[in-house]
Protein backbone atom coordinates (compact mmCIF):
# COMPACT_ATOMS: atom_id res chain seq x y z
CA MET A 1 0.02 -0.10 -0.22
CA GLY A 2 1.54 3.38 -1.12
CA HIS A 3 1.66 6.30 1.39
CA SER A 4 -0.23 9.71 0.14
CA ALA A 5 1.47 12.77 0.26
CA ALA A 6 -0.58 13.72 3.46
CA ASP A 7 0.60 10.42 4.82
CA LYS A 8 4.55 11.51 3.90
CA ILE A 9 4.00 15.26 5.75
CA MET A 10 2.42 13.03 8.72
CA LEU A 11 5.49 10.69 8.75
CA ASP A 12 7.99 13.26 8.41
CA ARG A 13 6.09 15.36 11.25
CA ILE A 14 6.09 12.33 13.59
CA GLY A 15 9.75 11.66 12.99
CA ARG A 16 10.12 15.13 13.98
CA ASP A 17 7.87 15.46 17.33
CA PHE A 18 9.43 12.13 18.50
CA THR A 19 13.13 12.82 18.23
CA TYR A 20 15.12 14.46 21.08
CA HIS A 21 16.40 17.83 20.09
CA ALA A 22 18.97 19.23 22.23
CA PRO A 23 18.80 22.91 23.01
CA LYS A 24 20.87 25.15 20.48
CA GLY A 25 21.95 28.80 20.85
CA ASP A 26 20.10 31.00 22.85
CA GLN A 27 16.97 28.15 23.21
CA PRO A 28 17.95 27.75 27.14
CA GLN A 29 17.81 31.02 28.31
CA ARG A 30 14.34 31.20 26.21
CA TYR A 31 13.04 28.67 27.96
CA GLU A 32 14.21 29.98 31.29
CA ARG A 33 12.28 33.50 30.33
CA LEU A 34 9.48 31.63 29.20
CA ARG A 35 9.31 29.26 32.69
CA GLU A 36 9.87 32.61 34.83
CA ALA A 37 7.07 34.43 32.76
CA ALA A 38 4.72 31.48 33.53
CA LYS A 39 5.46 31.21 37.03
CA ALA A 40 5.02 34.23 37.98
CA LEU A 41 1.68 34.50 35.84
CA ALA A 42 0.58 30.99 37.81
CA GLU A 43 1.49 32.77 41.32
CA MET A 44 -0.59 35.80 40.28
CA ILE A 45 -3.67 33.37 38.92
CA VAL A 46 -3.34 31.54 42.95
CA MET A 47 -3.14 34.87 44.72
CA SER A 48 -6.39 36.25 42.48
CA CYS A 49 -8.56 33.35 41.85
CA PRO A 50 -10.42 31.04 44.76
CA ASP A 51 -8.96 27.47 44.94
CA SER A 52 -11.65 25.88 42.23
CA ARG A 53 -11.77 23.71 39.35
CA GLU A 54 -11.15 26.77 37.19
CA ARG A 55 -8.03 27.51 38.89
CA ALA A 56 -6.56 24.26 38.59
CA LEU A 57 -7.22 24.42 35.07
CA ALA A 58 -6.18 27.74 34.26
CA ILE A 59 -2.87 26.71 36.08
CA THR A 60 -2.63 23.39 33.75
CA LYS A 61 -3.40 25.30 30.47
CA LEU A 62 -0.46 27.24 31.32
CA GLU A 63 1.78 24.61 31.64
CA GLU A 64 0.69 23.50 28.41
CA ALA A 65 1.35 26.66 26.80
CA VAL A 66 4.82 26.78 27.93
CA MET A 67 5.09 23.19 26.84
CA TRP A 68 3.72 23.81 23.60
CA THR A 69 5.94 26.92 23.18
CA ASN A 70 8.83 24.81 24.46
CA ALA A 71 8.15 22.10 21.62
CA GLY A 72 7.75 24.74 19.01
CA ILE A 73 11.27 26.29 19.82
CA ALA A 74 12.53 22.77 19.68
CA ARG A 75 11.13 21.31 17.09
CA ASN A 76 11.05 24.24 14.32
CA GLU A 77 14.65 26.18 14.56
CA SER A 78 17.61 24.84 12.66
CA GLU A 79 20.93 25.65 13.84
CA SER A 80 21.32 28.94 11.88
CA THR A 81 17.80 30.30 13.57
C-alpha cells in the first residue's frame, strides 16, 4: 500500500516530533525566560482566584502553553535560526 502525500507529511512530522532536540544557541535562555514568566502568572492566578476547578484548569493550561511553546522552539528551529 502506497502512502499519500498527506501520509508522508505526517510521517515526517512524527519523525521530528518524537525525536530528541538538544538545545542550541540561545534556546536554554529563552526556555528559562518563558518558565519565569509563566511562574509569575501562575502565582498571580493563585493569589487572585479562589481555589477551584477553574483555577486548577488555568494553571494546567498555562503549563500546556509553556510546554507547547518550548516544543515549537525545539522542533522548528534550525542551527542557523
